[in-house]
């Protein structure tokens, strides 16, 4: 009995040893999970080399640069297309683009660094550092904090951009004039994207640090991270050899039009940073690394967790058919927050005249994605490519995001055209202006926005405010006109509504410009913003 037991035990042991040997050989011969993942990643990246040029052509784009960071390494950095339409200079990973509103997260991180230093608190009232700061409501002025300014909960909504866009007003003057902007909702009750409040945050940072916002960003972020190609002003692009030119693509057009760089230094903390894929990869590695760079903790992990945590509900997600695993859309300080395929995603887009950008970071996967493009207008290439990469890396279904976005964009443009045509068709036909066209010409003033000038040129009214807005007024009916580009056909249904009002004596007293404000007519006053 004992001998039989030992024999059986020996046989079992031999079998187990054989199985162990087979398993060991199999592990040597078969690829490991890590190797399989690397192979899969190589295939994904190789597919991007085919997909991105195709998408660029579909959108009639100029150039695009794409960077992907994974596990603290820049695993993909490529450029496609050209820096300027009509020229052969190619886009590469070193080409500088504007990142637009992706600047906002830099501003928030700079504030977090100063908070770590004890120079300020994110819950400090703005008036502690900017005692002249005022909002429309005195109570909101007293309670308004740096955290409020950077989480888009001021109650002002997406309004006031005409105050800075293309105007000569300084940062301080723009912050001063915001006191005239009437709220669109109550304080802290809802999300309302607000560029001027990020300017206010930047000016607060500057006052606390005793140096300009630009110097804070350079000294605390660009230099420690080695972002040598990045800057905070278009003025610093002069003489640089590898810079993309901005373009615009109008609906229905097949070729982007190169446009000048616009100086937006007066709103810089909200959107003026210029960078490239290589530098943005350093930025994303810094954030994904918990605020460390070069072995130094530049911002505390707890503070970084605070600013990348939810502060406002950006969008109430009901059903996202393209991303059914997305359940919420929130906003932290300078960065959007959502979930996708079971992980937290930090995401933001940016856009200025002729440039669009996309940035997404997934801390749990050590993943970062940046897409930079140099065509604005009829162009969702940046979000299409970014969404494709994000979903591919997170294991989502493979979709042609470019084709989907292109279809959605075309549908939206068709619907907008139908609305414009319906408005034009509903006009009162043959209803002449109340006054002779020359009587509408003059200088019109708003206490916040300053002066708008209307002139009569070659039988057509033209509105200018102050430099970025230059539109021809085409008569709709009575005292209502449509403002469009000077090249817009006279019978086009498109354009912003520009409506004049007469006073009790029948004289032209004011003009309401859709999307901006109502300007009161002034007499015997020279043009120019106060």
Protein backbone atom coordinates (compact mmCIF):
# COMPACT_ATOMS: atom_id res chain seq x y z
CA UNK A 1 0.00 0.00 0.00
CA UNK A 2 2.70 2.40 0.96
CA UNK A 3 4.79 1.50 -2.06
CA UNK A 4 1.77 1.97 -4.37
CA UNK A 5 1.11 5.37 -2.83
CA UNK A 6 4.70 6.50 -3.38
CA UNK A 7 4.64 5.24 -6.97
CA UNK A 8 1.42 7.10 -7.67
CA UNK A 9 2.82 10.22 -6.02
CA UNK A 10 5.95 9.96 -8.11
CA UNK A 11 3.89 9.66 -11.29
CA UNK A 12 1.81 12.72 -10.36
CA UNK A 13 4.99 14.64 -9.57
CA UNK A 14 6.46 13.71 -12.93
CA UNK A 15 3.32 14.89 -14.71
CA UNK A 16 3.35 18.20 -12.82
CA UNK A 17 7.01 18.66 -13.65
CA UNK A 18 6.28 18.00 -17.30
CA UNK A 19 3.39 20.47 -17.29
CA UNK A 20 5.60 23.05 -15.61
CA UNK A 21 8.25 22.52 -18.28
CA UNK A 22 5.66 22.85 -21.07
CA UNK A 23 4.35 26.05 -19.44
CA UNK A 24 7.83 27.45 -19.15
CA UNK A 25 8.58 26.68 -22.80
CA UNK A 26 5.25 28.21 -23.82
CA UNK A 27 6.02 31.38 -21.91
CA UNK A 28 9.33 31.63 -23.70
CA UNK A 29 7.86 30.97 -27.13
CA UNK A 30 4.62 33.03 -26.82
CA UNK A 31 4.70 36.86 -26.66
CA UNK A 32 4.12 38.40 -23.23
CA UNK A 33 1.13 40.66 -22.55
CA UNK A 34 3.46 43.65 -22.61
CA UNK A 35 4.93 42.57 -25.93
CA UNK A 36 1.45 42.02 -27.35
CA UNK A 37 0.44 45.49 -26.20
CA UNK A 38 3.52 47.01 -27.82
CA UNK A 39 2.72 45.20 -31.05
CA UNK A 40 -0.87 46.45 -30.88
CA UNK A 41 0.33 50.00 -30.20
CA UNK A 42 2.67 49.89 -33.19
CA UNK A 43 -0.24 48.83 -35.37
CA UNK A 44 -2.43 51.64 -33.95
CA UNK A 45 0.25 54.24 -34.57
CA UNK A 46 0.94 52.93 -38.05
CA UNK A 47 -2.77 53.23 -38.82
CA UNK A 48 -2.66 56.90 -37.71
CA UNK A 49 -0.01 57.54 -40.36
CA UNK A 50 -2.62 56.53 -42.93
CA UNK A 51 -5.71 57.93 -41.22
CA UNK A 52 -4.58 61.49 -40.45
CA UNK A 53 -3.57 62.51 -44.01
CA UNK A 54 -6.89 61.11 -45.24
CA UNK A 55 -8.81 63.13 -42.64
CA UNK A 56 -6.75 66.24 -43.42
CA UNK A 57 -7.76 65.96 -47.07
CA UNK A 58 -11.43 65.37 -46.19
CA UNK A 59 -11.52 68.61 -44.22
CA UNK A 60 -9.61 70.58 -46.87
CA UNK A 61 -7.11 71.42 -44.17
CA UNK A 62 -3.65 72.95 -44.31
CA UNK A 63 -1.57 71.30 -41.59
CA UNK A 64 -1.89 69.27 -38.41
CA UNK A 65 0.57 68.08 -35.76
CA UNK A 66 -0.20 65.19 -33.40
CA UNK A 67 1.54 64.03 -30.25
CA UNK A 68 0.82 61.06 -27.98
CA UNK A 69 2.37 60.52 -24.55
CA UNK A 70 2.13 57.13 -22.85
CA UNK A 71 3.89 55.94 -19.71
CA UNK A 72 6.00 59.12 -19.51
CA UNK A 73 7.27 58.78 -23.09
CA UNK A 74 6.46 60.61 -26.29
CA UNK A 75 5.43 57.60 -28.38
CA UNK A 76 4.11 59.52 -31.39
CA UNK A 77 5.04 62.95 -32.74
CA UNK A 78 4.20 63.67 -36.34
CA UNK A 79 3.25 66.55 -38.58
CA UNK A 80 1.18 66.41 -41.75
CA UNK A 81 0.40 68.94 -44.45
CA UNK A 82 1.86 72.40 -44.78
CA UNK A 83 2.40 75.44 -42.61
CA UNK A 84 0.85 77.72 -45.20
CA UNK A 85 -1.42 76.90 -48.12
CA UNK A 86 0.34 77.48 -51.41
CA UNK A 87 3.79 76.89 -49.94
CA UNK A 88 5.76 73.66 -49.53
CA UNK A 89 7.07 74.13 -45.97
CA UNK A 90 5.91 71.01 -44.11
CA UNK A 91 4.42 70.74 -40.63
CA UNK A 92 6.46 68.61 -38.21
CA UNK A 93 6.57 67.94 -34.48
CA UNK A 94 8.50 71.17 -33.90
CA UNK A 95 6.08 73.45 -35.79
CA UNK A 96 4.60 76.12 -33.52
CA UNK A 97 0.83 76.64 -33.41
CA UNK A 98 -1.46 78.66 -31.17
CA UNK A 99 -3.16 76.47 -28.53
CA UNK A 100 -5.94 78.96 -27.76
CA UNK A 101 -8.03 78.12 -24.71
CA UNK A 102 -5.77 75.24 -23.73
CA UNK A 103 -3.86 78.16 -22.20
CA UNK A 104 -6.45 78.25 -19.42
CA UNK A 105 -5.11 75.16 -17.67
CA UNK A 106 -1.63 76.74 -17.61
CA UNK A 107 -3.17 79.71 -15.81
CA UNK A 108 -4.87 77.41 -13.29
CA UNK A 109 -1.66 75.46 -12.63
CA UNK A 110 0.28 78.70 -12.14
CA UNK A 111 -2.31 79.77 -9.58
CA UNK A 112 -1.97 76.37 -7.89
CA UNK A 113 1.81 76.81 -7.65
CA UNK A 114 1.41 80.20 -6.01
CA UNK A 115 -1.14 78.69 -3.64
CA UNK A 116 1.41 76.03 -2.66
CA UNK A 117 3.89 78.84 -1.97
CA UNK A 118 1.38 80.60 0.29
CA UNK A 119 1.40 83.67 -1.97
CA UNK A 120 -2.35 83.35 -2.50
CA UNK A 121 -5.25 80.99 -1.91
CA UNK A 122 -7.55 79.70 -4.61
CA UNK A 123 -10.38 80.84 -2.35
CA UNK A 124 -9.05 84.38 -2.03
CA UNK A 125 -11.44 87.09 -3.12
CA UNK A 126 -10.30 88.80 -6.31
CA UNK A 127 -10.54 92.18 -4.57
CA UNK A 128 -7.73 91.17 -2.21
CA UNK A 129 -5.30 91.64 -5.11
CA UNK A 130 -7.38 93.75 -7.49
CA UNK A 131 -9.23 96.21 -5.21
CA UNK A 132 -10.56 98.08 -8.25
CA UNK A 133 -12.32 94.94 -9.56
CA UNK A 134 -16.10 95.23 -9.92
CA UNK A 135 -18.88 93.12 -11.37
CA UNK A 136 -22.40 94.29 -12.13
CA UNK A 137 -23.70 93.08 -8.76
CA UNK A 138 -21.86 94.54 -5.71
CA UNK A 139 -22.50 91.41 -3.62
CA UNK A 140 -20.97 89.17 -6.29
CA UNK A 141 -18.01 91.54 -6.46
CA UNK A 142 -17.39 91.07 -2.73
CA UNK A 143 -17.73 87.28 -2.83
CA UNK A 144 -16.02 86.52 -6.15
CA UNK A 145 -12.95 84.31 -5.72
CA UNK A 146 -10.06 83.12 -7.86
CA UNK A 147 -11.70 79.70 -7.89
CA UNK A 148 -14.92 81.24 -9.22
CA UNK A 149 -13.02 83.01 -11.99
CA UNK A 150 -11.41 79.80 -13.24
CA UNK A 151 -14.45 77.50 -13.06
CA UNK A 152 -16.82 79.51 -15.29
CA UNK A 153 -19.48 80.11 -12.66
CA UNK A 154 -19.52 83.91 -12.65
CA UNK A 155 -23.06 84.14 -14.05
CA UNK A 156 -21.84 86.23 -16.99
CA UNK A 157 -22.15 83.45 -19.56
CA UNK A 158 -20.31 83.37 -22.89
CA UNK A 159 -20.49 87.08 -23.50
CA UNK A 160 -18.22 90.09 -23.63
CA UNK A 161 -15.65 88.74 -26.10
CA UNK A 162 -16.14 91.77 -28.34
CA UNK A 163 -14.52 93.79 -25.55
CA UNK A 164 -11.11 92.25 -26.23
CA UNK A 165 -11.24 90.64 -29.67
CA UNK A 166 -9.31 92.89 -32.03
CA UNK A 167 -9.51 95.91 -29.71
CA UNK A 168 -6.62 98.06 -28.46
CA UNK A 169 -7.84 97.86 -24.85
CA UNK A 170 -5.30 96.79 -22.24
CA UNK A 171 -5.77 93.89 -19.83
CA UNK A 172 -6.48 96.26 -16.94
CA UNK A 173 -9.00 98.26 -18.97
CA UNK A 174 -10.87 95.14 -20.04
CA UNK A 175 -11.12 93.99 -16.42
CA UNK A 176 -12.30 97.46 -15.43
CA UNK A 177 -15.06 97.55 -18.06
CA UNK A 178 -16.50 94.13 -17.21
CA UNK A 179 -18.47 95.84 -14.43
CA UNK A 180 -20.95 96.88 -17.12
CA UNK A 181 -21.68 93.34 -18.31
CA UNK A 182 -25.16 92.36 -17.12
CA UNK A 183 -25.25 88.74 -15.81
CA UNK A 184 -27.11 86.09 -17.77
CA UNK A 185 -27.68 83.90 -14.68
CA UNK A 186 -27.27 84.10 -10.93
CA UNK A 187 -23.83 83.73 -9.37
CA UNK A 188 -22.55 80.12 -9.05
CA UNK A 189 -25.84 78.71 -10.32
CA UNK A 190 -24.65 77.40 -13.68
CA UNK A 191 -21.68 76.95 -15.99
CA UNK A 192 -21.00 79.79 -18.42
CA UNK A 193 -17.73 79.87 -20.36
CA UNK A 194 -16.09 83.24 -19.73
CA UNK A 195 -12.77 84.39 -21.20
CA UNK A 196 -12.66 87.71 -19.36
CA UNK A 197 -12.83 85.96 -16.01
CA UNK A 198 -9.69 83.99 -16.93
CA UNK A 199 -8.05 87.30 -17.79
CA UNK A 200 -9.12 88.47 -14.33
CA UNK A 201 -7.53 85.34 -12.83
CA UNK A 202 -4.31 86.06 -14.73
CA UNK A 203 -4.21 89.64 -13.50
CA UNK A 204 -4.80 88.38 -9.97
CA UNK A 205 -1.87 86.00 -10.33
CA UNK A 206 0.28 88.84 -11.64
CA UNK A 207 -0.63 91.12 -8.73
CA UNK A 208 0.07 88.38 -6.18
CA UNK A 209 3.40 87.38 -7.75
CA UNK A 210 4.59 90.93 -8.39
CA UNK A 211 5.31 90.18 -12.06
CA UNK A 212 3.29 89.80 -15.25
CA UNK A 213 1.25 86.68 -15.98
CA UNK A 214 3.58 86.06 -18.93
CA UNK A 215 6.63 86.05 -16.65
CA UNK A 216 4.94 83.73 -14.17
CA UNK A 217 4.14 81.22 -16.92
CA UNK A 218 7.69 81.45 -18.28
CA UNK A 219 9.44 81.20 -14.90
CA UNK A 220 7.22 78.63 -13.20
CA UNK A 221 6.22 76.38 -16.14
CA UNK A 222 8.04 76.88 -19.44
CA UNK A 223 11.58 77.01 -18.07
CA UNK A 224 11.37 74.19 -15.47
CA UNK A 225 9.65 71.91 -18.00
CA UNK A 226 12.08 72.74 -20.82
CA UNK A 227 9.32 74.15 -23.05
CA UNK A 228 11.85 76.16 -25.03
CA UNK A 229 9.67 76.66 -28.12
CA UNK A 230 6.65 78.00 -26.22
CA UNK A 231 5.70 81.61 -25.56
CA UNK A 232 2.76 83.77 -24.56
CA UNK A 233 2.56 86.32 -27.38
CA UNK A 234 2.46 86.48 -31.16
CA UNK A 235 5.07 89.21 -30.85
CA UNK A 236 7.55 86.51 -29.82
CA UNK A 237 6.99 84.59 -33.06
CA UNK A 238 8.79 87.17 -35.20
CA UNK A 239 11.79 85.62 -36.92
CA UNK A 240 10.96 82.08 -35.85
CA UNK A 241 11.58 79.66 -38.76
CA UNK A 242 9.06 76.90 -38.03
CA UNK A 243 5.70 78.56 -37.35
CA UNK A 244 2.34 77.60 -38.85
CA UNK A 245 0.25 80.32 -40.47
CA UNK A 246 -3.41 80.67 -39.45
CA UNK A 247 -6.12 80.00 -42.03
CA UNK A 248 -9.88 80.19 -42.26
CA UNK A 249 -12.17 77.87 -44.20
CA UNK A 250 -15.67 79.16 -44.86
CA UNK A 251 -18.62 76.77 -45.32
CA UNK A 252 -18.74 75.46 -48.85
CA UNK A 253 -15.18 76.50 -49.64
CA UNK A 254 -12.59 73.91 -50.69
CA UNK A 255 -9.41 75.85 -49.98
CA UNK A 256 -8.40 77.54 -46.72
CA UNK A 257 -7.48 81.22 -46.87
CA UNK A 258 -4.38 82.35 -45.03
CA UNK A 259 -5.13 85.14 -42.52
CA UNK A 260 -2.84 87.30 -40.34
CA UNK A 261 -1.97 86.32 -36.80
CA UNK A 262 -4.13 88.28 -34.39
CA UNK A 263 -2.54 89.87 -31.35
CA UNK A 264 -4.56 88.67 -28.35
CA UNK A 265 -2.13 89.75 -25.65
CA UNK A 266 -4.97 91.64 -23.94
CA UNK A 267 -6.74 88.34 -23.12
CA UNK A 268 -3.52 86.29 -22.77
CA UNK A 269 -4.32 84.23 -19.62
CA UNK A 270 -7.37 82.85 -21.44
CA UNK A 271 -5.74 81.87 -24.71
CA UNK A 272 -2.45 83.36 -25.96
CA UNK A 273 0.09 80.52 -25.58
CA UNK A 274 1.88 79.30 -28.70
CA UNK A 275 3.54 75.89 -28.56
CA UNK A 276 4.34 72.71 -30.47
CA UNK A 277 3.82 68.97 -30.06
CA UNK A 278 7.20 68.44 -28.43
CA UNK A 279 6.64 71.07 -25.74
CA UNK A 280 3.03 70.07 -25.16
CA UNK A 281 4.27 66.53 -24.57
CA UNK A 282 6.48 67.88 -21.76
CA UNK A 283 3.44 69.66 -20.33
CA UNK A 284 1.28 66.53 -20.43
CA UNK A 285 4.02 64.37 -18.88
CA UNK A 286 4.26 66.92 -16.06
CA UNK A 287 0.52 66.76 -15.37
CA UNK A 288 0.31 62.97 -15.74
CA UNK A 289 3.34 62.66 -13.46
CA UNK A 290 1.48 64.30 -10.59
CA UNK A 291 3.16 67.68 -10.90
CA UNK A 292 6.77 66.50 -11.09
CA UNK A 293 9.41 67.42 -13.65
CA UNK A 294 13.11 66.62 -13.59
CA UNK A 295 12.72 64.96 -10.21
CA UNK A 296 11.20 68.11 -8.68
CA UNK A 297 7.68 68.48 -7.31
CA UNK A 298 6.61 71.76 -8.91
CA UNK A 299 3.03 71.62 -7.68
CA UNK A 300 1.68 69.49 -4.85
CA UNK A 301 -0.25 66.39 -5.90
CA UNK A 302 -3.08 67.39 -3.55
CA UNK A 303 -3.34 70.83 -5.16
CA UNK A 304 -3.25 69.32 -8.65
CA UNK A 305 -6.01 66.91 -7.59
CA UNK A 306 -8.02 69.89 -6.36
CA UNK A 307 -7.88 71.87 -9.61
CA UNK A 308 -8.58 68.78 -11.74
CA UNK A 309 -11.58 67.88 -9.60
CA UNK A 310 -15.18 68.91 -10.39
CA UNK A 311 -16.21 72.51 -9.77
CA UNK A 312 -19.02 73.09 -12.29
CA UNK A 313 -21.42 70.96 -14.29
CA UNK A 314 -20.45 71.85 -17.85
CA UNK A 315 -23.08 69.77 -19.66
CA UNK A 316 -25.81 67.50 -18.35
CA UNK A 317 -25.15 64.31 -20.30
CA UNK A 318 -28.45 62.59 -21.09
CA UNK A 319 -27.45 60.20 -23.86
CA UNK A 320 -24.28 60.18 -25.92
CA UNK A 321 -24.84 57.70 -28.74
CA UNK A 322 -21.24 57.96 -29.93
CA UNK A 323 -19.81 57.57 -26.42
CA UNK A 324 -22.35 55.55 -24.43
CA UNK A 325 -19.78 55.02 -21.65
CA UNK A 326 -19.67 58.78 -20.96
CA UNK A 327 -21.92 59.68 -18.04
CA UNK A 328 -20.90 63.19 -16.99
CA UNK A 329 -19.25 66.35 -18.29
CA UNK A 330 -17.80 68.61 -15.60
CA UNK A 331 -15.30 71.45 -15.36
CA UNK A 332 -12.43 71.89 -12.93
CA UNK A 333 -10.15 74.91 -13.02
CA UNK A 334 -9.16 75.50 -16.62
CA UNK A 335 -9.84 71.91 -17.67
CA UNK A 336 -12.83 69.79 -18.60
CA UNK A 337 -13.53 66.52 -16.79
CA UNK A 338 -15.50 63.54 -18.05
CA UNK A 339 -15.53 59.76 -17.95
CA UNK A 340 -14.92 57.49 -20.92
CA UNK A 341 -14.68 53.70 -20.99
CA UNK A 342 -14.48 53.64 -17.21
CA UNK A 343 -11.68 56.17 -16.68
CA UNK A 344 -11.43 59.88 -15.90
CA UNK A 345 -10.48 62.10 -18.83
CA UNK A 346 -9.10 65.64 -18.56
CA UNK A 347 -9.89 67.39 -21.82
CA UNK A 348 -10.04 70.84 -23.40
CA UNK A 349 -10.12 72.42 -26.82
CA UNK A 350 -8.78 75.75 -27.96
CA UNK A 351 -9.51 78.11 -30.80
CA UNK A 352 -8.35 81.53 -31.93
CA UNK A 353 -8.45 83.14 -35.37
CA UNK A 354 -7.14 80.48 -37.75
CA UNK A 355 -5.96 77.92 -35.17
CA UNK A 356 -7.66 75.04 -33.29
CA UNK A 357 -6.28 72.62 -30.69
CA UNK A 358 -7.28 69.50 -28.74
CA UNK A 359 -5.71 68.17 -25.53
CA UNK A 360 -6.79 65.08 -23.58
CA UNK A 361 -5.10 63.40 -20.61
CA UNK A 362 -6.03 60.15 -18.85
CA UNK A 363 -4.06 59.95 -15.57
CA UNK A 364 -5.10 56.35 -14.81
CA UNK A 365 -3.64 55.21 -18.13
CA UNK A 366 -0.68 57.63 -18.18
CA UNK A 367 -1.97 58.79 -21.56
CA UNK A 368 -1.87 62.24 -23.14
CA UNK A 369 -2.94 63.40 -26.61
CA UNK A 370 -2.43 66.74 -28.35
CA UNK A 371 -3.67 67.79 -31.79
CA UNK A 372 -2.72 71.19 -33.25
CA UNK A 373 -4.20 72.56 -36.49
CA UNK A 374 -3.88 75.78 -38.49
CA UNK A 375 -7.34 76.04 -40.05
CA UNK A 376 -10.40 77.38 -38.23
CA UNK A 377 -13.97 77.83 -39.39
CA UNK A 378 -15.35 74.80 -41.23
CA UNK A 379 -12.96 72.40 -39.50
CA UNK A 380 -13.50 69.76 -36.82
CA UNK A 381 -10.38 67.84 -37.79
CA UNK A 382 -8.75 68.50 -34.43
CA UNK A 383 -11.53 66.90 -32.36
CA UNK A 384 -12.06 64.09 -34.88
CA UNK A 385 -8.41 63.00 -34.77
CA UNK A 386 -8.22 63.50 -31.01
CA UNK A 387 -11.37 61.43 -30.42
CA UNK A 388 -10.10 58.68 -32.71
CA UNK A 389 -6.84 58.35 -30.79
CA UNK A 390 -8.47 58.64 -27.36
CA UNK A 391 -11.01 55.91 -28.08
CA UNK A 392 -8.46 53.63 -29.75
CA UNK A 393 -6.10 53.83 -26.78
CA UNK A 394 -8.90 53.28 -24.26
CA UNK A 395 -10.22 50.20 -26.07
CA UNK A 396 -13.34 51.74 -27.54
CA UNK A 397 -14.88 50.69 -30.84
CA UNK A 398 -12.97 51.75 -33.94
CA UNK A 399 -14.89 54.45 -35.77
CA UNK A 400 -14.16 56.88 -38.56
CA UNK A 401 -14.47 59.94 -36.33
CA UNK A 402 -13.51 62.26 -39.17
CA UNK A 403 -16.38 61.03 -41.36
CA UNK A 404 -18.82 61.28 -38.43
CA UNK A 405 -17.73 64.83 -37.56
CA UNK A 406 -17.83 65.89 -41.20
CA UNK A 407 -21.40 64.62 -41.54
CA UNK A 408 -22.44 66.41 -38.33
CA UNK A 409 -20.78 69.64 -39.45
CA UNK A 410 -22.44 69.60 -42.84
CA UNK A 411 -25.82 68.89 -41.24
CA UNK A 412 -25.36 71.78 -38.79
CA UNK A 413 -24.41 74.13 -41.62
CA UNK A 414 -27.42 73.06 -43.67
CA UNK A 415 -29.71 73.70 -40.70
CA UNK A 416 -28.14 77.12 -40.10
CA UNK A 417 -28.60 77.99 -43.77
CA UNK A 418 -32.26 76.95 -43.60
CA UNK A 419 -32.83 79.15 -40.55
CA UNK A 420 -31.19 82.10 -42.28
CA UNK A 421 -33.25 81.53 -45.43
CA UNK A 422 -36.45 81.27 -43.38
CA UNK A 423 -35.65 84.55 -41.65
CA UNK A 424 -34.95 86.23 -44.97
CA UNK A 425 -38.13 84.82 -46.51
CA UNK A 426 -40.16 86.19 -43.58
CA UNK A 427 -39.01 89.76 -44.18
CA UNK A 428 -41.49 92.44 -45.11
CA UNK A 429 -40.86 92.76 -48.84
CA UNK A 430 -40.33 96.26 -50.18
CA UNK A 431 -40.37 97.77 -46.67
CA UNK A 432 -37.96 100.68 -47.14
CA UNK A 433 -35.69 102.18 -44.45
CA UNK A 434 -37.38 104.86 -42.35
CA UNK A 435 -34.65 107.40 -43.06
CA UNK A 436 -32.22 108.13 -45.85
CA UNK A 437 -29.16 105.88 -45.56
CA UNK A 438 -26.88 108.81 -44.74
CA UNK A 439 -28.86 109.48 -41.56
CA UNK A 440 -27.84 106.08 -40.14
CA UNK A 441 -24.15 106.93 -40.42
CA UNK A 442 -22.46 108.11 -37.26
CA UNK A 443 -20.66 107.11 -34.10
CA UNK A 444 -22.46 104.87 -31.63
CA UNK A 445 -21.26 104.23 -28.09
CA UNK A 446 -21.67 101.59 -25.39
CA UNK A 447 -20.29 102.18 -21.91
CA UNK A 448 -18.57 98.78 -21.87
CA UNK A 449 -17.61 98.19 -25.49
CA UNK A 450 -16.78 101.72 -26.52
CA UNK A 451 -17.44 103.12 -29.99
CA UNK A 452 -18.78 101.58 -33.20
CA UNK A 453 -18.64 103.60 -36.39
CA UNK A 454 -21.12 103.41 -39.26
CA UNK A 455 -20.29 105.06 -42.54
CA UNK A 456 -22.00 105.39 -45.92
CA UNK A 457 -19.64 104.22 -48.67
CA UNK A 458 -20.67 103.94 -52.34
CA UNK A 459 -24.33 103.80 -51.38
CA UNK A 460 -23.84 101.07 -48.73
CA UNK A 461 -23.70 101.30 -44.95
CA UNK A 462 -20.60 99.85 -43.32
CA UNK A 463 -20.12 99.07 -39.60
CA UNK A 464 -16.70 98.93 -37.96
CA UNK A 465 -15.91 98.03 -34.36
CA UNK A 466 -13.09 98.81 -33.72
CA UNK A 467 -10.79 96.81 -36.02
CA UNK A 468 -11.82 93.14 -35.95
CA UNK A 469 -15.41 93.87 -37.01
CA UNK A 470 -15.83 95.30 -40.51
CA UNK A 471 -19.17 94.42 -42.09
CA UNK A 472 -21.38 95.67 -44.87
CA UNK A 473 -25.01 96.29 -43.91
CA UNK A 474 -27.55 94.84 -46.36
CA UNK A 475 -31.11 96.04 -45.92
CA UNK A 476 -33.62 93.44 -44.65
CA UNK A 477 -36.73 95.56 -43.95
CA UNK A 478 -37.61 98.85 -42.27
CA UNK A 479 -34.69 99.79 -39.99
CA UNK A 480 -33.22 96.28 -39.80
CA UNK A 481 -30.13 95.24 -41.75
CA UNK A 482 -27.95 92.14 -42.03
CA UNK A 483 -24.25 92.55 -41.33
CA UNK A 484 -21.93 90.44 -43.44
CA UNK A 485 -18.43 90.43 -44.88
CA UNK A 486 -17.88 93.03 -47.61
CA UNK A 487 -17.75 90.22 -50.18
CA UNK A 488 -21.14 88.77 -49.15
CA UNK A 489 -23.69 88.92 -51.99
CA UNK A 490 -26.39 91.55 -51.47
CA UNK A 491 -29.18 88.94 -51.54
CA UNK A 492 -27.50 86.54 -49.09
CA UNK A 493 -29.78 85.52 -46.19
CA UNK A 494 -26.77 85.21 -43.88
CA UNK A 495 -25.53 87.79 -41.43
CA UNK A 496 -25.94 89.17 -37.94
CA UNK A 497 -29.04 91.30 -37.40
CA UNK A 498 -28.26 95.01 -37.02
CA UNK A 499 -31.33 96.96 -35.94
CA UNK A 500 -31.62 100.74 -35.67
CA UNK A 501 -34.09 102.54 -33.43
CA UNK A 502 -35.53 106.03 -33.81
CA UNK A 503 -36.24 108.50 -31.04
CA UNK A 504 -39.55 110.36 -30.51
CA UNK A 505 -38.54 112.97 -33.12
CA UNK A 506 -37.82 110.34 -35.76
CA UNK A 507 -34.04 110.64 -35.59
CA UNK A 508 -31.75 107.59 -35.54
CA UNK A 509 -30.94 107.13 -31.84
CA UNK A 510 -29.28 103.74 -31.41
CA UNK A 511 -28.18 100.54 -33.10
CA UNK A 512 -28.46 97.03 -31.68
CA UNK A 513 -25.76 94.67 -33.01
CA UNK A 514 -26.79 91.04 -32.59
CA UNK A 515 -24.51 89.15 -30.25
CA UNK A 516 -22.78 92.28 -28.94
CA UNK A 517 -24.93 95.07 -27.50
CA UNK A 518 -27.04 98.16 -28.17
CA UNK A 519 -24.97 101.26 -28.92
CA UNK A 520 -26.38 104.77 -28.39
CA UNK A 521 -25.70 107.31 -31.10
CA UNK A 522 -23.41 110.19 -30.06
CA UNK A 523 -22.87 113.43 -31.94
CA UNK A 524 -19.88 115.71 -32.46
CA UNK A 525 -17.60 113.09 -30.88
CA UNK A 526 -14.52 111.63 -32.50
CA UNK A 527 -14.41 107.87 -33.03
CA UNK A 528 -12.32 105.69 -30.78
CA UNK A 529 -12.75 103.61 -27.67
CA UNK A 530 -12.76 105.49 -24.42
